[in-house]
Amino acid sequence: MGSRGRIGPDTYRRGATPGADTEVYDRTGRIDTGCYVRWELTRAGTVVRTHSSERCRPPSITLFNFGDSLDEAGSYRLTADVTTDWGQQGTASVGFTVVAGD
């Protein structure tokens, strides 16, 4: 997760647009091609935004743009589900809080 709008370790200001990215690895190192990420952002268990990347770009990165998704205070979770052309799969997620204020 990016730092734009961050006001604490796991806390962001309402309206923040921090962005997020993934780095995809397998047992041999970074995967620069052949990987795909499906992003899901939830607030209090309700899906707020989803995005599917077309492919990883060197060096193994896909990006998630929050847009106006953090306009409400609450508890959020961003999950990245990764699949590869080889059939490997993985999931990672991060929880954070959005608060009202400057």
Protein backbone atom coordinates (compact mmCIF):
# COMPACT_ATOMS: atom_id res chain seq x y z
CA MET A 1 0.00 0.00 0.00
CA GLY A 2 1.18 3.48 -0.79
CA SER A 3 1.60 6.26 1.73
CA ARG A 4 -0.60 8.98 0.22
CA GLY A 5 -3.15 9.89 2.89
CA ARG A 6 -1.59 7.65 5.56
CA ILE A 7 -1.89 9.07 9.08
CA GLY A 8 -0.86 6.00 11.07
CA PRO A 9 0.62 2.51 10.57
CA ASP A 10 -2.67 1.01 9.31
CA THR A 11 -4.79 4.16 9.13
CA TYR A 12 -5.65 6.43 6.21
CA ARG A 13 -7.57 9.68 5.95
CA ARG A 14 -10.98 9.56 4.25
CA GLY A 15 -10.60 10.42 0.57
CA ALA A 16 -7.00 9.13 0.45
CA THR A 17 -5.70 7.61 -2.78
CA PRO A 18 -2.70 5.55 -1.63
CA GLY A 19 -2.63 3.00 -4.46
CA ALA A 20 -1.29 -0.51 -4.02
CA ASP A 21 0.87 -2.92 -5.96
CA THR A 22 2.01 -6.54 -5.91
CA GLU A 23 5.32 -8.20 -6.50
CA VAL A 24 4.82 -11.79 -7.64
CA TYR A 25 7.40 -14.47 -6.82
CA ASP A 26 7.65 -18.21 -7.30
CA ARG A 27 10.31 -20.57 -5.93
CA THR A 28 12.85 -19.36 -8.48
CA GLY A 29 12.31 -15.63 -8.01
CA ARG A 30 10.20 -12.87 -9.50
CA ILE A 31 7.72 -13.62 -12.24
CA ASP A 32 7.80 -10.86 -14.85
CA THR A 33 5.22 -12.30 -17.25
CA GLY A 34 2.39 -14.81 -17.18
CA CYS A 35 0.84 -13.68 -13.90
CA TYR A 36 -2.53 -12.05 -13.35
CA VAL A 37 -4.01 -10.40 -10.27
CA ARG A 38 -7.63 -9.95 -9.28
CA TRP A 39 -8.00 -7.22 -6.68
CA GLU A 40 -10.93 -6.93 -4.29
CA LEU A 41 -11.48 -4.06 -1.86
CA THR A 42 -14.08 -4.57 0.88
CA ARG A 43 -15.42 -2.29 3.60
CA ALA A 44 -16.94 -4.07 6.60
CA GLY A 45 -17.27 -7.21 4.44
CA THR A 46 -19.04 -5.50 1.51
CA VAL A 47 -17.26 -5.33 -1.85
CA VAL A 48 -16.44 -1.72 -2.73
CA ARG A 49 -14.26 -2.18 -5.82
CA THR A 50 -12.74 -4.95 -7.92
CA HIS A 51 -10.09 -4.85 -10.60
CA SER A 52 -8.37 -7.50 -12.70
CA SER A 53 -4.95 -6.82 -14.13
CA GLU A 54 -4.27 -7.87 -17.70
CA ARG A 55 -0.80 -9.15 -16.79
CA CYS A 56 2.15 -8.53 -14.54
CA ARG A 57 4.66 -6.06 -15.86
CA PRO A 58 8.37 -6.30 -15.20
CA PRO A 59 9.41 -6.46 -12.43
CA SER A 60 6.39 -8.59 -11.42
CA ILE A 61 4.16 -5.66 -10.57
CA THR A 62 0.46 -5.02 -10.97
CA LEU A 63 -1.23 -1.90 -9.69
CA PHE A 64 -4.51 -1.14 -7.93
CA ASN A 65 -5.98 2.36 -8.06
CA PHE A 66 -8.36 3.19 -5.21
CA GLY A 67 -10.01 6.07 -7.06
CA ASP A 68 -12.80 7.36 -4.80
CA SER A 69 -13.18 4.01 -2.97
CA LEU A 70 -11.95 5.37 0.37
CA ASP A 71 -14.53 8.16 0.65
CA GLU A 72 -16.20 6.52 3.67
CA ALA A 73 -14.71 5.86 7.09
CA GLY A 74 -14.56 2.22 8.19
CA SER A 75 -12.57 -1.01 8.25
CA TYR A 76 -11.23 -2.10 4.86
CA ARG A 77 -9.47 -5.16 3.45
CA LEU A 78 -7.63 -5.27 0.13
CA THR A 79 -7.06 -8.76 -1.27
CA ALA A 80 -4.91 -9.72 -4.26
CA ASP A 81 -5.58 -13.16 -5.81
CA VAL A 82 -2.77 -14.19 -8.15
CA THR A 83 -2.80 -16.86 -10.85
CA THR A 84 -0.09 -17.74 -13.34
CA ASP A 85 0.06 -19.34 -16.75
CA TRP A 86 1.54 -22.37 -14.94
CA GLY A 87 -1.50 -22.83 -12.73
CA GLN A 88 0.14 -21.52 -9.56
CA GLN A 89 -2.10 -19.49 -7.26
CA GLY A 90 -1.63 -17.30 -4.24
CA THR A 91 -3.49 -14.77 -2.15
CA ALA A 92 -2.38 -11.87 0.03
CA SER A 93 -4.43 -9.29 1.85
CA VAL A 94 -3.99 -6.28 4.06
CA GLY A 95 -6.46 -4.72 6.48
CA PHE A 96 -6.58 -1.03 7.28
CA THR A 97 -8.85 1.67 8.69
CA VAL A 98 -10.12 4.86 7.07
CA VAL A 99 -11.04 7.73 9.39
CA ALA A 100 -12.67 11.11 8.89
CA GLY A 101 -10.44 14.14 9.35
CA ASP A 102 -7.69 16.13 7.75
